[in-house]
All heavy atoms as atom14 arrays in JSON, in Angstrom:
{
  "sequence": "RGNVAVHTGEECVDFAGSHIGRDHACAGNLLAAPGIWDSMSRSFEAAE",
  "atom14_mask": [
    [1, 1, 1, 1, 1, 1, 1, 1, 1, 1, 1, 0, 0, 0],
    [1, 1, 1, 1, 0, 0, 0, 0, 0, 0, 0, 0, 0, 0],
    [1, 1, 1, 1, 1, 1, 1, 1, 0, 0, 0, 0, 0, 0],
    [1, 1, 1, 1, 1, 1, 1, 0, 0, 0, 0, 0, 0, 0],
    [1, 1, 1, 1, 1, 0, 0, 0, 0, 0, 0, 0, 0, 0],
    [1, 1, 1, 1, 1, 1, 1, 0, 0, 0, 0, 0, 0, 0],
    [1, 1, 1, 1, 1, 1, 1, 1, 1, 1, 0, 0, 0, 0],
    [1, 1, 1, 1, 1, 1, 1, 0, 0, 0, 0, 0, 0, 0],
    [1, 1, 1, 1, 0, 0, 0, 0, 0, 0, 0, 0, 0, 0],
    [1, 1, 1, 1, 1, 1, 1, 1, 1, 0, 0, 0, 0, 0],
    [1, 1, 1, 1, 1, 1, 1, 1, 1, 0, 0, 0, 0, 0],
    [1, 1, 1, 1, 1, 1, 0, 0, 0, 0, 0, 0, 0, 0],
    [1, 1, 1, 1, 1, 1, 1, 0, 0, 0, 0, 0, 0, 0],
    [1, 1, 1, 1, 1, 1, 1, 1, 0, 0, 0, 0, 0, 0],
    [1, 1, 1, 1, 1, 1, 1, 1, 1, 1, 1, 0, 0, 0],
    [1, 1, 1, 1, 1, 0, 0, 0, 0, 0, 0, 0, 0, 0],
    [1, 1, 1, 1, 0, 0, 0, 0, 0, 0, 0, 0, 0, 0],
    [1, 1, 1, 1, 1, 1, 0, 0, 0, 0, 0, 0, 0, 0],
    [1, 1, 1, 1, 1, 1, 1, 1, 1, 1, 0, 0, 0, 0],
    [1, 1, 1, 1, 1, 1, 1, 1, 0, 0, 0, 0, 0, 0],
    [1, 1, 1, 1, 0, 0, 0, 0, 0, 0, 0, 0, 0, 0],
    [1, 1, 1, 1, 1, 1, 1, 1, 1, 1, 1, 0, 0, 0],
    [1, 1, 1, 1, 1, 1, 1, 1, 0, 0, 0, 0, 0, 0],
    [1, 1, 1, 1, 1, 1, 1, 1, 1, 1, 0, 0, 0, 0],
    [1, 1, 1, 1, 1, 0, 0, 0, 0, 0, 0, 0, 0, 0],
    [1, 1, 1, 1, 1, 1, 0, 0, 0, 0, 0, 0, 0, 0],
    [1, 1, 1, 1, 1, 0, 0, 0, 0, 0, 0, 0, 0, 0],
    [1, 1, 1, 1, 0, 0, 0, 0, 0, 0, 0, 0, 0, 0],
    [1, 1, 1, 1, 1, 1, 1, 1, 0, 0, 0, 0, 0, 0],
    [1, 1, 1, 1, 1, 1, 1, 1, 0, 0, 0, 0, 0, 0],
    [1, 1, 1, 1, 1, 1, 1, 1, 0, 0, 0, 0, 0, 0],
    [1, 1, 1, 1, 1, 0, 0, 0, 0, 0, 0, 0, 0, 0],
    [1, 1, 1, 1, 1, 0, 0, 0, 0, 0, 0, 0, 0, 0],
    [1, 1, 1, 1, 1, 1, 1, 0, 0, 0, 0, 0, 0, 0],
    [1, 1, 1, 1, 0, 0, 0, 0, 0, 0, 0, 0, 0, 0],
    [1, 1, 1, 1, 1, 1, 1, 1, 0, 0, 0, 0, 0, 0],
    [1, 1, 1, 1, 1, 1, 1, 1, 1, 1, 1, 1, 1, 1],
    [1, 1, 1, 1, 1, 1, 1, 1, 0, 0, 0, 0, 0, 0],
    [1, 1, 1, 1, 1, 1, 0, 0, 0, 0, 0, 0, 0, 0],
    [1, 1, 1, 1, 1, 1, 1, 1, 0, 0, 0, 0, 0, 0],
    [1, 1, 1, 1, 1, 1, 0, 0, 0, 0, 0, 0, 0, 0],
    [1, 1, 1, 1, 1, 1, 1, 1, 1, 1, 1, 0, 0, 0],
    [1, 1, 1, 1, 1, 1, 0, 0, 0, 0, 0, 0, 0, 0],
    [1, 1, 1, 1, 1, 1, 1, 1, 1, 1, 1, 0, 0, 0],
    [1, 1, 1, 1, 1, 1, 1, 1, 1, 0, 0, 0, 0, 0],
    [1, 1, 1, 1, 1, 0, 0, 0, 0, 0, 0, 0, 0, 0],
    [1, 1, 1, 1, 1, 0, 0, 0, 0, 0, 0, 0, 0, 0],
    [1, 1, 1, 1, 1, 1, 1, 1, 1, 0, 0, 0, 0, 0]
  ],
  "atom14_positions": [
    [[-30.27, -25.85, -15.91], [-30.6, -26.82, -17.02], [-32.12, -27.05, -17.14], [-32.59, -27.71, -18.04], [-29.81, -28.07, -16.82], [-28.38, -27.98, -16.91], [-27.69, -29.33, -16.71], [-27.94, -29.91, -15.4], [-27.23, -29.57, -14.26], [-26.24, -28.63, -14.35], [-27.53, -30.15, -13.1], [0.0, 0.0, 0.0], [0.0, 0.0, 0.0], [0.0, 0.0, 0.0]],
    [[-32.85, -26.38, -16.24], [-34.27, -26.59, -16.27], [-34.8, -27.72, -15.44], [-36.03, -28.0, -15.47], [0.0, 0.0, 0.0], [0.0, 0.0, 0.0], [0.0, 0.0, 0.0], [0.0, 0.0, 0.0], [0.0, 0.0, 0.0], [0.0, 0.0, 0.0], [0.0, 0.0, 0.0], [0.0, 0.0, 0.0], [0.0, 0.0, 0.0], [0.0, 0.0, 0.0]],
    [[-33.99, -28.46, -14.73], [-34.39, -29.5, -13.76], [-35.13, -28.87, -12.6], [-34.66, -27.85, -12.03], [-33.21, -30.35, -13.31], [-32.52, -31.0, -14.49], [-33.1, -31.57, -15.34], [-31.15, -30.85, -14.5], [0.0, 0.0, 0.0], [0.0, 0.0, 0.0], [0.0, 0.0, 0.0], [0.0, 0.0, 0.0], [0.0, 0.0, 0.0], [0.0, 0.0, 0.0]],
    [[-36.22, -29.48, -12.21], [-37.05, -28.88, -11.13], [-37.29, -29.92, -10.05], [-37.38, -31.14, -10.35], [-38.42, -28.47, -11.71], [-39.23, -27.84, -10.57], [-38.19, -27.42, -12.81], [0.0, 0.0, 0.0], [0.0, 0.0, 0.0], [0.0, 0.0, 0.0], [0.0, 0.0, 0.0], [0.0, 0.0, 0.0], [0.0, 0.0, 0.0], [0.0, 0.0, 0.0]],
    [[-37.37, -29.45, -8.82], [-37.7, -30.35, -7.68], [-38.47, -29.48, -6.65], [-38.29, -28.32, -6.56], [-36.43, -30.82, -7.0], [0.0, 0.0, 0.0], [0.0, 0.0, 0.0], [0.0, 0.0, 0.0], [0.0, 0.0, 0.0], [0.0, 0.0, 0.0], [0.0, 0.0, 0.0], [0.0, 0.0, 0.0], [0.0, 0.0, 0.0], [0.0, 0.0, 0.0]],
    [[-39.37, -30.21, -5.98], [-40.27, -29.53, -5.03], [-40.41, -30.41, -3.85], [-40.56, -31.63, -3.96], [-41.68, -29.22, -5.59], [-42.54, -28.57, -4.51], [-41.59, -28.36, -6.81], [0.0, 0.0, 0.0], [0.0, 0.0, 0.0], [0.0, 0.0, 0.0], [0.0, 0.0, 0.0], [0.0, 0.0, 0.0], [0.0, 0.0, 0.0], [0.0, 0.0, 0.0]],
    [[-40.36, -29.81, -2.7], [-40.62, -30.48, -1.37], [-41.85, -29.81, -0.71], [-41.8, -28.63, -0.48], [-39.45, -30.44, -0.46], [-39.8, -30.84, 0.95], [-40.01, -32.17, 1.33], [-39.95, -30.11, 2.09], [-40.31, -32.25, 2.6], [-40.28, -30.98, 3.12], [0.0, 0.0, 0.0], [0.0, 0.0, 0.0], [0.0, 0.0, 0.0], [0.0, 0.0, 0.0]],
    [[-42.85, -30.58, -0.46], [-44.02, -30.09, 0.42], [-44.11, -31.0, 1.61], [-44.53, -32.13, 1.49], [-45.34, -30.1, -0.45], [-45.21, -29.22, -1.58], [-46.47, -29.6, 0.46], [0.0, 0.0, 0.0], [0.0, 0.0, 0.0], [0.0, 0.0, 0.0], [0.0, 0.0, 0.0], [0.0, 0.0, 0.0], [0.0, 0.0, 0.0], [0.0, 0.0, 0.0]],
    [[-43.73, -30.53, 2.74], [-43.86, -31.34, 3.98], [-45.24, -31.74, 4.34], [-46.17, -31.06, 4.02], [0.0, 0.0, 0.0], [0.0, 0.0, 0.0], [0.0, 0.0, 0.0], [0.0, 0.0, 0.0], [0.0, 0.0, 0.0], [0.0, 0.0, 0.0], [0.0, 0.0, 0.0], [0.0, 0.0, 0.0], [0.0, 0.0, 0.0], [0.0, 0.0, 0.0]],
    [[-45.29, -32.95, 5.0], [-46.61, -33.46, 5.27], [-47.36, -32.64, 6.25], [-48.6, -32.86, 6.41], [-46.51, -34.94, 5.75], [-45.72, -35.09, 7.03], [-44.21, -35.29, 6.83], [-43.73, -34.96, 5.7], [-43.53, -35.79, 7.7], [0.0, 0.0, 0.0], [0.0, 0.0, 0.0], [0.0, 0.0, 0.0], [0.0, 0.0, 0.0], [0.0, 0.0, 0.0]],
    [[-46.76, -31.68, 6.98], [-47.43, -30.84, 7.94], [-47.7, -29.51, 7.4], [-48.12, -28.61, 8.14], [-46.65, -30.8, 9.29], [-46.62, -32.12, 9.99], [-45.93, -32.03, 11.35], [-45.61, -30.92, 11.82], [-45.66, -33.17, 11.92], [0.0, 0.0, 0.0], [0.0, 0.0, 0.0], [0.0, 0.0, 0.0], [0.0, 0.0, 0.0], [0.0, 0.0, 0.0]],
    [[-47.41, -29.25, 6.17], [-47.8, -27.95, 5.54], [-49.32, -27.88, 5.59], [-50.02, -28.87, 5.34], [-47.31, -27.81, 4.12], [-45.56, -27.61, 3.94], [0.0, 0.0, 0.0], [0.0, 0.0, 0.0], [0.0, 0.0, 0.0], [0.0, 0.0, 0.0], [0.0, 0.0, 0.0], [0.0, 0.0, 0.0], [0.0, 0.0, 0.0], [0.0, 0.0, 0.0]],
    [[-49.84, -26.65, 5.84], [-51.31, -26.54, 6.01], [-52.06, -26.55, 4.71], [-51.67, -25.93, 3.71], [-51.6, -25.23, 6.75], [-53.12, -25.12, 6.99], [-50.84, -25.17, 8.09], [0.0, 0.0, 0.0], [0.0, 0.0, 0.0], [0.0, 0.0, 0.0], [0.0, 0.0, 0.0], [0.0, 0.0, 0.0], [0.0, 0.0, 0.0], [0.0, 0.0, 0.0]],
    [[-53.1, -27.4, 4.61], [-53.89, -27.46, 3.38], [-54.6, -26.08, 3.14], [-54.85, -25.37, 4.11], [-54.96, -28.55, 3.51], [-54.42, -29.9, 3.13], [-53.47, -29.97, 2.37], [-54.92, -30.87, 3.63], [0.0, 0.0, 0.0], [0.0, 0.0, 0.0], [0.0, 0.0, 0.0], [0.0, 0.0, 0.0], [0.0, 0.0, 0.0], [0.0, 0.0, 0.0]],
    [[-54.86, -25.82, 1.93], [-54.53, -26.59, 0.72], [-53.02, -26.35, 0.4], [-52.64, -25.22, 0.22], [-55.42, -26.28, -0.45], [-56.82, -26.66, -0.12], [-57.78, -25.72, 0.25], [-57.25, -27.98, -0.25], [-59.11, -26.07, 0.48], [-58.54, -28.35, -0.02], [-59.48, -27.36, 0.39], [0.0, 0.0, 0.0], [0.0, 0.0, 0.0], [0.0, 0.0, 0.0]],
    [[-52.4, -27.48, 0.18], [-50.89, -27.34, -0.1], [-50.56, -28.35, -1.11], [-51.01, -29.51, -1.11], [-50.06, -27.59, 1.13], [0.0, 0.0, 0.0], [0.0, 0.0, 0.0], [0.0, 0.0, 0.0], [0.0, 0.0, 0.0], [0.0, 0.0, 0.0], [0.0, 0.0, 0.0], [0.0, 0.0, 0.0], [0.0, 0.0, 0.0], [0.0, 0.0, 0.0]],
    [[-49.72, -27.96, -2.07], [-49.24, -28.88, -3.17], [-48.51, -28.14, -4.17], [-48.15, -27.01, -4.04], [0.0, 0.0, 0.0], [0.0, 0.0, 0.0], [0.0, 0.0, 0.0], [0.0, 0.0, 0.0], [0.0, 0.0, 0.0], [0.0, 0.0, 0.0], [0.0, 0.0, 0.0], [0.0, 0.0, 0.0], [0.0, 0.0, 0.0], [0.0, 0.0, 0.0]],
    [[-48.23, -28.87, -5.32], [-47.37, -28.27, -6.29], [-47.63, -28.9, -7.67], [-48.27, -29.93, -7.79], [-45.92, -28.51, -5.94], [-45.53, -29.88, -5.9], [0.0, 0.0, 0.0], [0.0, 0.0, 0.0], [0.0, 0.0, 0.0], [0.0, 0.0, 0.0], [0.0, 0.0, 0.0], [0.0, 0.0, 0.0], [0.0, 0.0, 0.0], [0.0, 0.0, 0.0]],
    [[-47.16, -28.24, -8.67], [-47.25, -28.73, -10.07], [-45.9, -28.46, -10.75], [-45.47, -27.28, -10.76], [-48.33, -27.94, -10.85], [-48.63, -28.45, -12.17], [-49.82, -28.97, -12.63], [-47.76, -28.53, -13.32], [-49.71, -29.33, -13.88], [-48.52, -29.04, -14.3], [0.0, 0.0, 0.0], [0.0, 0.0, 0.0], [0.0, 0.0, 0.0], [0.0, 0.0, 0.0]],
    [[-45.32, -29.53, -11.28], [-44.09, -29.37, -11.97], [-44.34, -29.52, -13.48], [-44.94, -30.45, -14.0], [-43.11, -30.52, -11.58], [-42.69, -30.34, -10.11], [-41.85, -30.48, -12.52], [-41.74, -31.4, -9.57], [0.0, 0.0, 0.0], [0.0, 0.0, 0.0], [0.0, 0.0, 0.0], [0.0, 0.0, 0.0], [0.0, 0.0, 0.0], [0.0, 0.0, 0.0]],
    [[-43.94, -28.46, -14.16], [-44.08, -28.42, -15.67], [-42.71, -28.24, -16.28], [-41.7, -28.28, -15.64], [0.0, 0.0, 0.0], [0.0, 0.0, 0.0], [0.0, 0.0, 0.0], [0.0, 0.0, 0.0], [0.0, 0.0, 0.0], [0.0, 0.0, 0.0], [0.0, 0.0, 0.0], [0.0, 0.0, 0.0], [0.0, 0.0, 0.0], [0.0, 0.0, 0.0]],
    [[-42.76, -28.11, -17.55], [-41.53, -27.9, -18.32], [-40.83, -26.55, -17.94], [-41.44, -25.47, -18.11], [-41.8, -27.98, -19.82], [-40.49, -27.78, -20.66], [-40.83, -27.98, -22.11], [-39.63, -27.84, -22.93], [-39.57, -27.92, -24.26], [-40.71, -28.13, -24.94], [-38.46, -27.8, -24.9], [0.0, 0.0, 0.0], [0.0, 0.0, 0.0], [0.0, 0.0, 0.0]],
    [[-39.61, -26.68, -17.42], [-38.84, -25.42, -17.11], [-39.51, -24.55, -16.01], [-39.21, -23.41, -15.85], [-38.62, -24.56, -18.29], [-37.55, -25.15, -19.17], [-36.62, -25.81, -18.66], [-37.6, -24.98, -20.44], [0.0, 0.0, 0.0], [0.0, 0.0, 0.0], [0.0, 0.0, 0.0], [0.0, 0.0, 0.0], [0.0, 0.0, 0.0], [0.0, 0.0, 0.0]],
    [[-40.41, -25.14, -15.18], [-40.97, -24.34, -14.1], [-41.69, -25.24, -13.11], [-41.9, -26.42, -13.37], [-42.05, -23.41, -14.66], [-43.31, -23.97, -15.1], [-43.46, -24.56, -16.37], [-44.46, -24.1, -14.45], [-44.64, -25.04, -16.45], [-45.36, -24.73, -15.37], [0.0, 0.0, 0.0], [0.0, 0.0, 0.0], [0.0, 0.0, 0.0], [0.0, 0.0, 0.0]],
    [[-41.96, -24.67, -11.92], [-42.74, -25.39, -10.86], [-43.56, -24.35, -10.13], [-43.04, -23.22, -9.83], [-41.87, -26.14, -9.96], [0.0, 0.0, 0.0], [0.0, 0.0, 0.0], [0.0, 0.0, 0.0], [0.0, 0.0, 0.0], [0.0, 0.0, 0.0], [0.0, 0.0, 0.0], [0.0, 0.0, 0.0], [0.0, 0.0, 0.0], [0.0, 0.0, 0.0]],
    [[-44.8, -24.69, -9.76], [-45.61, -23.74, -9.03], [-46.04, -24.47, -7.72], [-46.25, -25.75, -7.79], [-46.87, -23.41, -9.83], [-46.55, -22.62, -11.42], [0.0, 0.0, 0.0], [0.0, 0.0, 0.0], [0.0, 0.0, 0.0], [0.0, 0.0, 0.0], [0.0, 0.0, 0.0], [0.0, 0.0, 0.0], [0.0, 0.0, 0.0], [0.0, 0.0, 0.0]],
    [[-46.19, -23.8, -6.63], [-46.54, -24.46, -5.39], [-47.13, -23.46, -4.43], [-46.95, -22.25, -4.59], [-45.33, -25.14, -4.79], [0.0, 0.0, 0.0], [0.0, 0.0, 0.0], [0.0, 0.0, 0.0], [0.0, 0.0, 0.0], [0.0, 0.0, 0.0], [0.0, 0.0, 0.0], [0.0, 0.0, 0.0], [0.0, 0.0, 0.0], [0.0, 0.0, 0.0]],
    [[-47.83, -23.98, -3.46], [-48.41, -23.07, -2.46], [-48.87, -23.95, -1.19], [-48.97, -25.17, -1.25], [0.0, 0.0, 0.0], [0.0, 0.0, 0.0], [0.0, 0.0, 0.0], [0.0, 0.0, 0.0], [0.0, 0.0, 0.0], [0.0, 0.0, 0.0], [0.0, 0.0, 0.0], [0.0, 0.0, 0.0], [0.0, 0.0, 0.0], [0.0, 0.0, 0.0]],
    [[-49.12, -23.2, -0.12], [-49.62, -23.83, 1.05], [-50.52, -22.85, 1.8], [-50.47, -21.63, 1.5], [-48.46, -24.23, 2.0], [-47.63, -23.04, 2.39], [-47.89, -22.45, 3.45], [-46.57, -22.71, 1.62], [0.0, 0.0, 0.0], [0.0, 0.0, 0.0], [0.0, 0.0, 0.0], [0.0, 0.0, 0.0], [0.0, 0.0, 0.0], [0.0, 0.0, 0.0]],
    [[-51.43, -23.36, 2.64], [-52.35, -22.55, 3.32], [-53.19, -21.7, 2.29], [-53.46, -20.51, 2.47], [-51.77, -21.56, 4.35], [-52.7, -20.9, 5.37], [-53.45, -21.97, 6.15], [-51.94, -20.01, 6.31], [0.0, 0.0, 0.0], [0.0, 0.0, 0.0], [0.0, 0.0, 0.0], [0.0, 0.0, 0.0], [0.0, 0.0, 0.0], [0.0, 0.0, 0.0]],
    [[-53.56, -22.42, 1.18], [-54.31, -21.72, 0.12], [-55.82, -21.91, 0.25], [-56.28, -22.76, 1.01], [-53.86, -22.26, -1.23], [-52.29, -22.03, -1.53], [-52.01, -22.49, -2.98], [-51.89, -20.64, -1.32], [0.0, 0.0, 0.0], [0.0, 0.0, 0.0], [0.0, 0.0, 0.0], [0.0, 0.0, 0.0], [0.0, 0.0, 0.0], [0.0, 0.0, 0.0]],
    [[-56.61, -21.0, -0.44], [-57.99, -21.05, -0.3], [-58.69, -22.2, -1.06], [-59.87, -22.52, -0.74], [-58.58, -19.73, -0.84], [0.0, 0.0, 0.0], [0.0, 0.0, 0.0], [0.0, 0.0, 0.0], [0.0, 0.0, 0.0], [0.0, 0.0, 0.0], [0.0, 0.0, 0.0], [0.0, 0.0, 0.0], [0.0, 0.0, 0.0], [0.0, 0.0, 0.0]],
    [[-58.0, -22.85, -2.01], [-58.55, -23.89, -2.79], [-57.47, -24.85, -3.28], [-56.32, -24.46, -3.38], [-59.38, -23.29, -3.92], [0.0, 0.0, 0.0], [0.0, 0.0, 0.0], [0.0, 0.0, 0.0], [0.0, 0.0, 0.0], [0.0, 0.0, 0.0], [0.0, 0.0, 0.0], [0.0, 0.0, 0.0], [0.0, 0.0, 0.0], [0.0, 0.0, 0.0]],
    [[-57.86, -26.09, -3.53], [-56.9, -26.98, -4.12], [-56.69, -26.71, -5.64], [-57.46, -26.06, -6.25], [-57.58, -28.33, -4.04], [-59.06, -28.03, -4.11], [-59.16, -26.72, -3.38], [0.0, 0.0, 0.0], [0.0, 0.0, 0.0], [0.0, 0.0, 0.0], [0.0, 0.0, 0.0], [0.0, 0.0, 0.0], [0.0, 0.0, 0.0], [0.0, 0.0, 0.0]],
    [[-55.54, -27.11, -6.18], [-55.28, -26.93, -7.6], [-54.83, -25.58, -8.03], [-54.71, -25.33, -9.24], [0.0, 0.0, 0.0], [0.0, 0.0, 0.0], [0.0, 0.0, 0.0], [0.0, 0.0, 0.0], [0.0, 0.0, 0.0], [0.0, 0.0, 0.0], [0.0, 0.0, 0.0], [0.0, 0.0, 0.0], [0.0, 0.0, 0.0], [0.0, 0.0, 0.0]],
    [[-54.64, -24.64, -7.08], [-54.17, -23.29, -7.48], [-52.88, -23.34, -8.24], [-52.62, -22.68, -9.22], [-54.11, -22.37, -6.26], [-55.5, -22.01, -5.79], [-53.31, -21.14, -6.57], [-55.58, -21.22, -4.53], [0.0, 0.0, 0.0], [0.0, 0.0, 0.0], [0.0, 0.0, 0.0], [0.0, 0.0, 0.0], [0.0, 0.0, 0.0], [0.0, 0.0, 0.0]],
    [[-52.02, -24.3, -7.85], [-50.7, -24.49, -8.54], [-50.87, -24.87, -9.96], [-50.07, -24.57, -10.79], [-49.85, -25.41, -7.71], [-50.67, -26.59, -7.16], [-50.95, -27.78, -7.76], [-51.3, -26.66, -5.86], [-51.71, -28.56, -7.03], [-51.95, -27.92, -5.77], [-51.38, -25.83, -4.74], [-52.69, -28.31, -4.63], [-52.08, -26.21, -3.67], [-52.72, -27.47, -3.56]],
    [[-51.9, -25.65, -10.22], [-52.19, -26.08, -11.61], [-52.63, -24.89, -12.44], [-52.13, -24.79, -13.64], [-53.34, -27.15, -11.56], [-52.91, -28.42, -10.87], [-51.79, -28.82, -10.94], [-53.86, -28.95, -10.2], [0.0, 0.0, 0.0], [0.0, 0.0, 0.0], [0.0, 0.0, 0.0], [0.0, 0.0, 0.0], [0.0, 0.0, 0.0], [0.0, 0.0, 0.0]],
    [[-53.47, -24.0, -11.91], [-53.86, -22.82, -12.66], [-52.64, -21.94, -12.97], [-52.52, -21.37, -14.07], [-54.93, -22.06, -11.8], [-56.08, -22.77, -11.63], [0.0, 0.0, 0.0], [0.0, 0.0, 0.0], [0.0, 0.0, 0.0], [0.0, 0.0, 0.0], [0.0, 0.0, 0.0], [0.0, 0.0, 0.0], [0.0, 0.0, 0.0], [0.0, 0.0, 0.0]],
    [[-51.78, -21.82, -12.0], [-50.57, -20.97, -12.2], [-49.69, -21.53, -13.32], [-49.26, -20.82, -14.19], [-49.75, -20.9, -10.89], [-50.42, -20.18, -9.76], [-49.54, -20.37, -8.25], [-48.03, -19.47, -8.67], [0.0, 0.0, 0.0], [0.0, 0.0, 0.0], [0.0, 0.0, 0.0], [0.0, 0.0, 0.0], [0.0, 0.0, 0.0], [0.0, 0.0, 0.0]],
    [[-49.52, -22.87, -13.34], [-48.74, -23.52, -14.35], [-49.32, -23.26, -15.73], [-48.65, -22.96, -16.68], [-48.61, -24.96, -14.08], [-47.91, -25.62, -15.12], [0.0, 0.0, 0.0], [0.0, 0.0, 0.0], [0.0, 0.0, 0.0], [0.0, 0.0, 0.0], [0.0, 0.0, 0.0], [0.0, 0.0, 0.0], [0.0, 0.0, 0.0], [0.0, 0.0, 0.0]],
    [[-50.66, -23.48, -15.87], [-51.28, -23.35, -17.19], [-51.09, -21.87, -17.68], [-50.84, -21.63, -18.88], [-52.81, -23.63, -17.08], [-53.06, -25.15, -17.0], [-54.57, -25.46, -17.16], [-55.37, -24.84, -16.1], [-55.71, -25.47, -15.02], [-55.26, -26.73, -14.82], [-56.48, -24.93, -14.08], [0.0, 0.0, 0.0], [0.0, 0.0, 0.0], [0.0, 0.0, 0.0]],
    [[-51.26, -20.9, -16.77], [-51.12, -19.5, -17.18], [-49.71, -19.17, -17.58], [-49.45, -18.43, -18.55], [-51.55, -18.59, -16.1], [-52.96, -18.66, -15.85], [0.0, 0.0, 0.0], [0.0, 0.0, 0.0], [0.0, 0.0, 0.0], [0.0, 0.0, 0.0], [0.0, 0.0, 0.0], [0.0, 0.0, 0.0], [0.0, 0.0, 0.0], [0.0, 0.0, 0.0]],
    [[-48.75, -19.72, -16.85], [-47.32, -19.47, -17.2], [-47.07, -20.07, -18.62], [-46.31, -19.39, -19.38], [-46.4, -20.1, -16.16], [-44.94, -19.95, -16.5], [-44.29, -18.73, -16.26], [-44.25, -21.01, -17.04], [-42.93, -18.66, -16.57], [-42.88, -20.86, -17.38], [-42.23, -19.64, -17.11], [0.0, 0.0, 0.0], [0.0, 0.0, 0.0], [0.0, 0.0, 0.0]],
    [[-47.5, -21.24, -18.89], [-47.21, -21.87, -20.14], [-47.92, -21.13, -21.29], [-47.44, -21.1, -22.42], [-47.59, -23.3, -20.08], [-46.75, -24.18, -19.2], [-47.23, -25.62, -19.14], [-48.38, -25.89, -19.41], [-46.41, -26.5, -18.77], [0.0, 0.0, 0.0], [0.0, 0.0, 0.0], [0.0, 0.0, 0.0], [0.0, 0.0, 0.0], [0.0, 0.0, 0.0]],
    [[-49.08, -20.59, -21.06], [-49.87, -19.95, -22.12], [-49.39, -18.48, -22.33], [-49.65, -17.87, -23.4], [-51.36, -19.93, -21.79], [0.0, 0.0, 0.0], [0.0, 0.0, 0.0], [0.0, 0.0, 0.0], [0.0, 0.0, 0.0], [0.0, 0.0, 0.0], [0.0, 0.0, 0.0], [0.0, 0.0, 0.0], [0.0, 0.0, 0.0], [0.0, 0.0, 0.0]],
    [[-48.82, -17.85, -21.29], [-48.5, -16.43, -21.35], [-47.35, -16.16, -22.44], [-46.51, -17.02, -22.68], [-48.03, -15.93, -20.04], [0.0, 0.0, 0.0], [0.0, 0.0, 0.0], [0.0, 0.0, 0.0], [0.0, 0.0, 0.0], [0.0, 0.0, 0.0], [0.0, 0.0, 0.0], [0.0, 0.0, 0.0], [0.0, 0.0, 0.0], [0.0, 0.0, 0.0]],
    [[-47.35, -15.04, -22.99], [-46.34, -14.57, -23.93], [-45.56, -13.39, -23.29], [-45.99, -12.81, -22.3], [-46.94, -14.21, -25.24], [-47.68, -15.27, -25.96], [-48.33, -14.89, -27.25], [-48.3, -13.64, -27.58], [-48.79, -15.74, -28.04], [0.0, 0.0, 0.0], [0.0, 0.0, 0.0], [0.0, 0.0, 0.0], [0.0, 0.0, 0.0], [0.0, 0.0, 0.0]]
  ]
}
């Protein structure tokens, strides 16, 4: 139905986090920079 949920444990290695958008969610951990999940979401929404 497009409902989304994300769990990021408090001991996941930074940078770790997620972005929930309409009909999708992006997340990562042990990443090189914060906000990578936001960039992924924007690209998914803009892509055709």
